Amino acid sequence: MSKEKVVGIYGGIVIVPEPHEGVIEALEELLEMARSGEVVGFYGAITHGDEASSTYAIGHRNYATLGALTTMQAKMALGDI
């Protein structure tokens, strides 16, 4: 898609973000671990290019995963990640 042709619903300019190589590498690594059976559950939050967000939750659940998500939330709030 040509970036010059992207127009917002009200005629404004729409900024089309570039792919983030670090995100691509991390997702490829996670996919490899999932294919090998090392990862059996995935829970996460996604930031989209338009600053919207969504969540994903699939697979095995346990309290350790809940603790990891809580730790990540605290680190994000403190600006540590």
PDB file of N, CA and C in Angstrom:
ATOM      1  N   MET A   1       0.849  -1.171   0.000  1.00  0.00           N
ATOM      2  CA  MET A   1       0.000   0.000   0.000  1.00  0.00           C
ATOM      3  C   MET A   1       0.895   1.234   0.000  1.00  0.00           C
ATOM      4  N   SER A   2       0.608   2.137  -0.886  1.00  0.00           N
ATOM      5  CA  SER A   2       1.369   3.378  -0.975  1.00  0.00           C
ATOM      6  C   SER A   2       0.956   4.314   0.154  1.00  0.00           C
ATOM      7  N   LYS A   3       1.937   4.811   0.878  1.00  0.00           N
ATOM      8  CA  LYS A   3       1.640   5.699   1.995  1.00  0.00           C
ATOM      9  C   LYS A   3       1.039   7.020   1.534  1.00  0.00           C
ATOM     10  N   GLU A   4       1.330   7.450   0.309  1.00  0.00           N
ATOM     11  CA  GLU A   4       0.804   8.705  -0.185  1.00  0.00           C
ATOM     12  C   GLU A   4      -0.702   8.651  -0.387  1.00  0.00           C
ATOM     13  N   LYS A   5      -1.286   7.452  -0.500  1.00  0.00           N
ATOM     14  CA  LYS A   5      -2.708   7.321  -0.805  1.00  0.00           C
ATOM     15  C   LYS A   5      -3.568   7.039   0.426  1.00  0.00           C
ATOM     16  N   VAL A   6      -2.966   7.012   1.600  1.00  0.00           N
ATOM     17  CA  VAL A   6      -3.726   6.737   2.812  1.00  0.00           C
ATOM     18  C   VAL A   6      -4.302   8.049   3.340  1.00  0.00           C
ATOM     19  N   VAL A   7      -5.644   8.123   3.366  1.00  0.00           N
ATOM     20  CA  VAL A   7      -6.342   9.321   3.818  1.00  0.00           C
ATOM     21  C   VAL A   7      -7.326   8.923   4.902  1.00  0.00           C
ATOM     22  N   GLY A   8      -7.394   9.706   5.959  1.00  0.00           N
ATOM     23  CA  GLY A   8      -8.318   9.434   7.052  1.00  0.00           C
ATOM     24  C   GLY A   8      -9.760   9.637   6.633  1.00  0.00           C
ATOM     25  N   ILE A   9     -10.661   9.110   7.418  1.00  0.00           N
ATOM     26  CA  ILE A   9     -12.086   9.185   7.112  1.00  0.00           C
ATOM     27  C   ILE A   9     -12.579  10.624   7.002  1.00  0.00           C
ATOM     28  N   TYR A  10     -11.930  11.542   7.716  1.00  0.00           N
ATOM     29  CA  TYR A  10     -12.314  12.954   7.647  1.00  0.00           C
ATOM     30  C   TYR A  10     -11.355  13.758   6.780  1.00  0.00           C
ATOM     31  N   GLY A  11     -10.551  13.066   5.975  1.00  0.00           N
ATOM     32  CA  GLY A  11      -9.657  13.731   5.039  1.00  0.00           C
ATOM     33  C   GLY A  11      -8.282  14.074   5.570  1.00  0.00           C
ATOM     34  N   GLY A  12      -8.009  13.764   6.832  1.00  0.00           N
ATOM     35  CA  GLY A  12      -6.711  14.075   7.409  1.00  0.00           C
ATOM     36  C   GLY A  12      -5.635  13.089   6.988  1.00  0.00           C
ATOM     37  N   ILE A  13      -4.405  13.447   7.242  1.00  0.00           N
ATOM     38  CA  ILE A  13      -3.270  12.585   6.924  1.00  0.00           C
ATOM     39  C   ILE A  13      -3.221  11.437   7.916  1.00  0.00           C
ATOM     40  N   VAL A  14      -2.996  10.233   7.408  1.00  0.00           N
ATOM     41  CA  VAL A  14      -2.867   9.051   8.254  1.00  0.00           C
ATOM     42  C   VAL A  14      -1.403   8.636   8.256  1.00  0.00           C
ATOM     43  N   ILE A  15      -0.828   8.545   9.423  1.00  0.00           N
ATOM     44  CA  ILE A  15       0.564   8.123   9.541  1.00  0.00           C
ATOM     45  C   ILE A  15       0.601   6.603   9.574  1.00  0.00           C
ATOM     46  N   VAL A  16       1.286   6.018   8.599  1.00  0.00           N
ATOM     47  CA  VAL A  16       1.426   4.566   8.535  1.00  0.00           C
ATOM     48  C   VAL A  16       2.787   4.220   9.122  1.00  0.00           C
ATOM     49  N   PRO A  17       2.818   3.561  10.283  1.00  0.00           N
ATOM     50  CA  PRO A  17       4.095   3.292  10.936  1.00  0.00           C
ATOM     51  C   PRO A  17       4.917   2.241  10.191  1.00  0.00           C
ATOM     52  N   GLU A  18       6.209   2.316  10.399  1.00  0.00           N
ATOM     53  CA  GLU A  18       7.123   1.331   9.828  1.00  0.00           C
ATOM     54  C   GLU A  18       7.165   0.104  10.748  1.00  0.00           C
ATOM     55  N   PRO A  19       7.431  -1.075  10.193  1.00  0.00           N
ATOM     56  CA  PRO A  19       7.583  -2.263  11.041  1.00  0.00           C
ATOM     57  C   PRO A  19       8.739  -2.073  12.023  1.00  0.00           C
ATOM     58  N   HIS A  20       8.588  -2.606  13.218  1.00  0.00           N
ATOM     59  CA  HIS A  20       9.607  -2.510  14.268  1.00  0.00           C
ATOM     60  C   HIS A  20      10.389  -3.821  14.267  1.00  0.00           C
ATOM     61  N   GLU A  21      11.650  -3.757  13.870  1.00  0.00           N
ATOM     62  CA  GLU A  21      12.462  -4.967  13.728  1.00  0.00           C
ATOM     63  C   GLU A  21      12.590  -5.750  15.040  1.00  0.00           C
ATOM     64  N   GLY A  22      12.674  -5.051  16.168  1.00  0.00           N
ATOM     65  CA  GLY A  22      12.772  -5.736  17.454  1.00  0.00           C
ATOM     66  C   GLY A  22      11.525  -6.551  17.756  1.00  0.00           C
ATOM     67  N   VAL A  23      10.357  -5.999  17.407  1.00  0.00           N
ATOM     68  CA  VAL A  23       9.100  -6.722  17.612  1.00  0.00           C
ATOM     69  C   VAL A  23       9.060  -7.946  16.711  1.00  0.00           C
ATOM     70  N   ILE A  24       9.461  -7.786  15.461  1.00  0.00           N
ATOM     71  CA  ILE A  24       9.463  -8.905  14.510  1.00  0.00           C
ATOM     72  C   ILE A  24      10.381 -10.022  15.002  1.00  0.00           C
ATOM     73  N   GLU A  25      11.574  -9.672  15.454  1.00  0.00           N
ATOM     74  CA  GLU A  25      12.519 -10.664  15.958  1.00  0.00           C
ATOM     75  C   GLU A  25      11.968 -11.396  17.184  1.00  0.00           C
ATOM     76  N   ALA A  26      11.355 -10.652  18.108  1.00  0.00           N
ATOM     77  CA  ALA A  26      10.802 -11.272  19.314  1.00  0.00           C
ATOM     78  C   ALA A  26       9.667 -12.227  18.962  1.00  0.00           C
ATOM     79  N   LEU A  27       8.798 -11.824  18.040  1.00  0.00           N
ATOM     80  CA  LEU A  27       7.685 -12.688  17.646  1.00  0.00           C
ATOM     81  C   LEU A  27       8.171 -13.926  16.911  1.00  0.00           C
ATOM     82  N   GLU A  28       9.207 -13.784  16.094  1.00  0.00           N
ATOM     83  CA  GLU A  28       9.776 -14.949  15.414  1.00  0.00           C
ATOM     84  C   GLU A  28      10.381 -15.927  16.414  1.00  0.00           C
ATOM     85  N   GLU A  29      11.041 -15.391  17.438  1.00  0.00           N
ATOM     86  CA  GLU A  29      11.618 -16.237  18.487  1.00  0.00           C
ATOM     87  C   GLU A  29      10.511 -16.971  19.257  1.00  0.00           C
ATOM     88  N   LEU A  30       9.434 -16.243  19.596  1.00  0.00           N
ATOM     89  CA  LEU A  30       8.308 -16.873  20.288  1.00  0.00           C
ATOM     90  C   LEU A  30       7.662 -17.956  19.429  1.00  0.00           C
ATOM     91  N   LEU A  31       7.527 -17.704  18.145  1.00  0.00           N
ATOM     92  CA  LEU A  31       6.947 -18.683  17.241  1.00  0.00           C
ATOM     93  C   LEU A  31       7.797 -19.940  17.177  1.00  0.00           C
ATOM     94  N   GLU A  32       9.105 -19.775  17.122  1.00  0.00           N
ATOM     95  CA  GLU A  32      10.016 -20.912  17.116  1.00  0.00           C
ATOM     96  C   GLU A  32       9.880 -21.729  18.406  1.00  0.00           C
ATOM     97  N   MET A  33       9.785 -21.034  19.542  1.00  0.00           N
ATOM     98  CA  MET A  33       9.625 -21.734  20.823  1.00  0.00           C
ATOM     99  C   MET A  33       8.274 -22.447  20.893  1.00  0.00           C
ATOM    100  N   ALA A  34       7.234 -21.845  20.342  1.00  0.00           N
ATOM    101  CA  ALA A  34       5.918 -22.490  20.333  1.00  0.00           C
ATOM    102  C   ALA A  34       5.934 -23.738  19.447  1.00  0.00           C
ATOM    103  N   ARG A  35       6.581 -23.659  18.314  1.00  0.00           N
ATOM    104  CA  ARG A  35       6.654 -24.811  17.404  1.00  0.00           C
ATOM    105  C   ARG A  35       7.421 -25.965  18.017  1.00  0.00           C
ATOM    106  N   SER A  36       8.398 -25.660  18.874  1.00  0.00           N
ATOM    107  CA  SER A  36       9.188 -26.714  19.513  1.00  0.00           C
ATOM    108  C   SER A  36       8.484 -27.289  20.745  1.00  0.00           C
ATOM    109  N   GLY A  37       7.400 -26.637  21.191  1.00  0.00           N
ATOM    110  CA  GLY A  37       6.692 -27.093  22.375  1.00  0.00           C
ATOM    111  C   GLY A  37       7.162 -26.440  23.659  1.00  0.00           C
ATOM    112  N   GLU A  38       8.162 -25.562  23.549  1.00  0.00           N
ATOM    113  CA  GLU A  38       8.679 -24.886  24.735  1.00  0.00           C
ATOM    114  C   GLU A  38       7.666 -23.895  25.296  1.00  0.00           C
ATOM    115  N   VAL A  39       6.921 -23.220  24.430  1.00  0.00           N
ATOM    116  CA  VAL A  39       5.884 -22.280  24.854  1.00  0.00           C
ATOM    117  C   VAL A  39       4.526 -22.954  24.653  1.00  0.00           C
ATOM    118  N   VAL A  40       3.743 -23.046  25.738  1.00  0.00           N
ATOM    119  CA  VAL A  40       2.431 -23.710  25.660  1.00  0.00           C
ATOM    120  C   VAL A  40       1.276 -22.776  26.008  1.00  0.00           C
ATOM    121  N   GLY A  41       1.594 -21.532  26.298  1.00  0.00           N
ATOM    122  CA  GLY A  41       0.569 -20.526  26.566  1.00  0.00           C
ATOM    123  C   GLY A  41       1.130 -19.157  26.250  1.00  0.00           C
ATOM    124  N   PHE A  42       0.238 -18.261  25.826  1.00  0.00           N
ATOM    125  CA  PHE A  42       0.680 -16.910  25.498  1.00  0.00           C
ATOM    126  C   PHE A  42      -0.372 -15.920  25.959  1.00  0.00           C
ATOM    127  N   TYR A  43       0.066 -14.936  26.723  1.00  0.00           N
ATOM    128  CA  TYR A  43      -0.806 -13.880  27.231  1.00  0.00           C
ATOM    129  C   TYR A  43      -0.051 -12.573  27.068  1.00  0.00           C
ATOM    130  N   GLY A  44      -0.631 -11.629  26.370  1.00  0.00           N
ATOM    131  CA  GLY A  44       0.097 -10.399  26.168  1.00  0.00           C
ATOM    132  C   GLY A  44      -0.771  -9.251  25.718  1.00  0.00           C
ATOM    133  N   ALA A  45      -0.177  -8.091  25.725  1.00  0.00           N
ATOM    134  CA  ALA A  45      -0.828  -6.866  25.264  1.00  0.00           C
ATOM    135  C   ALA A  45      -0.083  -6.370  24.040  1.00  0.00           C
ATOM    136  N   ILE A  46      -0.821  -5.891  23.079  1.00  0.00           N
ATOM    137  CA  ILE A  46      -0.269  -5.443  21.803  1.00  0.00           C
ATOM    138  C   ILE A  46      -0.568  -3.950  21.639  1.00  0.00           C
ATOM    139  N   THR A  47       0.424  -3.183  21.173  1.00  0.00           N
ATOM    140  CA  THR A  47       0.206  -1.790  20.793  1.00  0.00           C
ATOM    141  C   THR A  47       0.216  -1.737  19.273  1.00  0.00           C
ATOM    142  N   HIS A  48      -0.864  -1.253  18.698  1.00  0.00           N
ATOM    143  CA  HIS A  48      -0.990  -1.153  17.249  1.00  0.00           C
ATOM    144  C   HIS A  48      -0.403   0.164  16.753  1.00  0.00           C
ATOM    145  N   GLY A  49      -0.194   0.266  15.453  1.00  0.00           N
ATOM    146  CA  GLY A  49       0.407   1.453  14.857  1.00  0.00           C
ATOM    147  C   GLY A  49      -0.375   2.725  15.080  1.00  0.00           C
ATOM    148  N   ASP A  50      -1.685   2.597  15.307  1.00  0.00           N
ATOM    149  CA  ASP A  50      -2.516   3.784  15.543  1.00  0.00           C
ATOM    150  C   ASP A  50      -2.675   4.088  17.030  1.00  0.00           C
ATOM    151  N   GLU A  51      -1.833   3.461  17.867  1.00  0.00           N
ATOM    152  CA  GLU A  51      -1.821   3.631  19.322  1.00  0.00           C
ATOM    153  C   GLU A  51      -2.965   2.903  20.036  1.00  0.00           C
ATOM    154  N   ALA A  52      -3.800   2.190  19.289  1.00  0.00           N
ATOM    155  CA  ALA A  52      -4.816   1.348  19.925  1.00  0.00           C
ATOM    156  C   ALA A  52      -4.098   0.146  20.533  1.00  0.00           C
ATOM    157  N   SER A  53      -4.785  -0.574  21.397  1.00  0.00           N
ATOM    158  CA  SER A  53      -4.176  -1.762  21.989  1.00  0.00           C
ATOM    159  C   SER A  53      -5.179  -2.904  22.004  1.00  0.00           C
ATOM    160  N   SER A  54      -4.634  -4.103  22.112  1.00  0.00           N
ATOM    161  CA  SER A  54      -5.467  -5.300  22.223  1.00  0.00           C
ATOM    162  C   SER A  54      -4.706  -6.325  23.050  1.00  0.00           C
ATOM    163  N   THR A  55      -5.407  -7.359  23.448  1.00  0.00           N
ATOM    164  CA  THR A  55      -4.778  -8.405  24.250  1.00  0.00           C
ATOM    165  C   THR A  55      -4.980  -9.766  23.596  1.00  0.00           C
ATOM    166  N   TYR A  56      -4.083 -10.675  23.924  1.00  0.00           N
ATOM    167  CA  TYR A  56      -4.170 -12.053  23.451  1.00  0.00           C
ATOM    168  C   TYR A  56      -4.034 -12.977  24.645  1.00  0.00           C
ATOM    169  N   ALA A  57      -4.825 -14.031  24.641  1.00  0.00           N
ATOM    170  CA  ALA A  57      -4.748 -15.029  25.704  1.00  0.00           C
ATOM    171  C   ALA A  57      -5.105 -16.383  25.099  1.00  0.00           C
ATOM    172  N   ILE A  58      -4.142 -17.293  25.138  1.00  0.00           N
ATOM    173  CA  ILE A  58      -4.395 -18.624  24.594  1.00  0.00           C
ATOM    174  C   ILE A  58      -3.445 -19.633  25.229  1.00  0.00           C
ATOM    175  N   GLY A  59      -3.932 -20.828  25.443  1.00  0.00           N
ATOM    176  CA  GLY A  59      -3.078 -21.913  25.909  1.00  0.00           C
ATOM    177  C   GLY A  59      -3.146 -22.153  27.399  1.00  0.00           C
ATOM    178  N   HIS A  60      -2.118 -22.842  27.871  1.00  0.00           N
ATOM    179  CA  HIS A  60      -2.023 -23.262  29.272  1.00  0.00           C
ATOM    180  C   HIS A  60      -1.975 -22.063  30.205  1.00  0.00           C
ATOM    181  N   ARG A  61      -2.704 -22.164  31.317  1.00  0.00           N
ATOM    182  CA  ARG A  61      -2.739 -21.084  32.318  1.00  0.00           C
ATOM    183  C   ARG A  61      -2.249 -21.604  33.658  1.00  0.00           C
ATOM    184  N   ASN A  62      -1.560 -20.763  34.378  1.00  0.00           N
ATOM    185  CA  ASN A  62      -1.177 -21.089  35.746  1.00  0.00           C
ATOM    186  C   ASN A  62      -0.934 -19.794  36.521  1.00  0.00           C
ATOM    187  N   TYR A  63      -0.745 -19.918  37.824  1.00  0.00           N
ATOM    188  CA  TYR A  63      -0.559 -18.725  38.647  1.00  0.00           C
ATOM    189  C   TYR A  63       0.784 -18.052  38.387  1.00  0.00           C
ATOM    190  N   ALA A  64       1.774 -18.799  37.932  1.00  0.00           N
ATOM    191  CA  ALA A  64       3.071 -18.197  37.614  1.00  0.00           C
ATOM    192  C   ALA A  64       2.919 -17.201  36.463  1.00  0.00           C
ATOM    193  N   THR A  65       2.078 -17.544  35.489  1.00  0.00           N
ATOM    194  CA  THR A  65       1.834 -16.629  34.370  1.00  0.00           C
ATOM    195  C   THR A  65       1.147 -15.361  34.863  1.00  0.00           C
ATOM    196  N   LEU A  66       0.197 -15.503  35.744  1.00  0.00           N
ATOM    197  CA  LEU A  66      -0.484 -14.345  36.312  1.00  0.00           C
ATOM    198  C   LEU A  66       0.516 -13.458  37.055  1.00  0.00           C
ATOM    199  N   GLY A  67       1.420 -14.068  37.799  1.00  0.00           N
ATOM    200  CA  GLY A  67       2.453 -13.309  38.499  1.00  0.00           C
ATOM    201  C   GLY A  67       3.377 -12.584  37.535  1.00  0.00           C
ATOM    202  N   ALA A  68       3.726 -13.234  36.434  1.00  0.00           N
ATOM    203  CA  ALA A  68       4.594 -12.607  35.436  1.00  0.00           C
ATOM    204  C   ALA A  68       3.908 -11.397  34.803  1.00  0.00           C
ATOM    205  N   LEU A  69       2.616 -11.517  34.522  1.00  0.00           N
ATOM    206  CA  LEU A  69       1.868 -10.388  33.962  1.00  0.00           C
ATOM    207  C   LEU A  69       1.778  -9.231  34.955  1.00  0.00           C
ATOM    208  N   THR A  70       1.599  -9.552  36.220  1.00  0.00           N
ATOM    209  CA  THR A  70       1.537  -8.527  37.260  1.00  0.00           C
ATOM    210  C   THR A  70       2.874  -7.807  37.379  1.00  0.00           C
ATOM    211  N   THR A  71       3.966  -8.566  37.319  1.00  0.00           N
ATOM    212  CA  THR A  71       5.305  -7.977  37.369  1.00  0.00           C
ATOM    213  C   THR A  71       5.528  -7.061  36.172  1.00  0.00           C
ATOM    214  N   MET A  72       5.112  -7.503  34.980  1.00  0.00           N
ATOM    215  CA  MET A  72       5.278  -6.678  33.781  1.00  0.00           C
ATOM    216  C   MET A  72       4.476  -5.383  33.900  1.00  0.00           C
ATOM    217  N   GLN A  73       3.278  -5.480  34.443  1.00  0.00           N
ATOM    218  CA  GLN A  73       2.441  -4.293  34.617  1.00  0.00           C
ATOM    219  C   GLN A  73       3.138  -3.289  35.543  1.00  0.00           C
ATOM    220  N   ALA A  74       3.694  -3.771  36.638  1.00  0.00           N
ATOM    221  CA  ALA A  74       4.385  -2.880  37.574  1.00  0.00           C
ATOM    222  C   ALA A  74       5.614  -2.252  36.918  1.00  0.00           C
ATOM    223  N   LYS A  75       6.371  -3.028  36.172  1.00  0.00           N
ATOM    224  CA  LYS A  75       7.560  -2.493  35.498  1.00  0.00           C
ATOM    225  C   LYS A  75       7.183  -1.441  34.466  1.00  0.00           C
ATOM    226  N   MET A  76       6.107  -1.686  33.720  1.00  0.00           N
ATOM    227  CA  MET A  76       5.665  -0.698  32.735  1.00  0.00           C
ATOM    228  C   MET A  76       5.239   0.599  33.417  1.00  0.00           C
ATOM    229  N   ALA A  77       4.514   0.476  34.541  1.00  0.00           N
ATOM    230  CA  ALA A  77       4.055   1.654  35.269  1.00  0.00           C
ATOM    231  C   ALA A  77       5.218   2.485  35.794  1.00  0.00           C
ATOM    232  N   LEU A  78       6.325   1.803  36.154  1.00  0.00           N
ATOM    233  CA  LEU A  78       7.507   2.489  36.683  1.00  0.00           C
ATOM    234  C   LEU A  78       8.462   2.947  35.577  1.00  0.00           C
ATOM    235  N   GLY A  79       8.167   2.555  34.340  1.00  0.00           N
ATOM    236  CA  GLY A  79       9.026   2.925  33.235  1.00  0.00           C
ATOM    237  C   GLY A  79      10.282   2.081  33.114  1.00  0.00           C
ATOM    238  N   ASP A  80      10.268   0.897  33.738  1.00  0.00           N
ATOM    239  CA  ASP A  80      11.453   0.021  33.717  1.00  0.00           C
ATOM    240  C   ASP A  80      11.565  -0.787  32.424  1.00  0.00           C
ATOM    241  N   ILE A  81      10.485  -0.853  31.648  1.00  0.00           N
ATOM    242  CA  ILE A  81      10.545  -1.579  30.366  1.00  0.00           C
ATOM    243  C   ILE A  81       9.862  -0.773  29.295  1.00  0.00           C
TER     244      ILE A  81
END
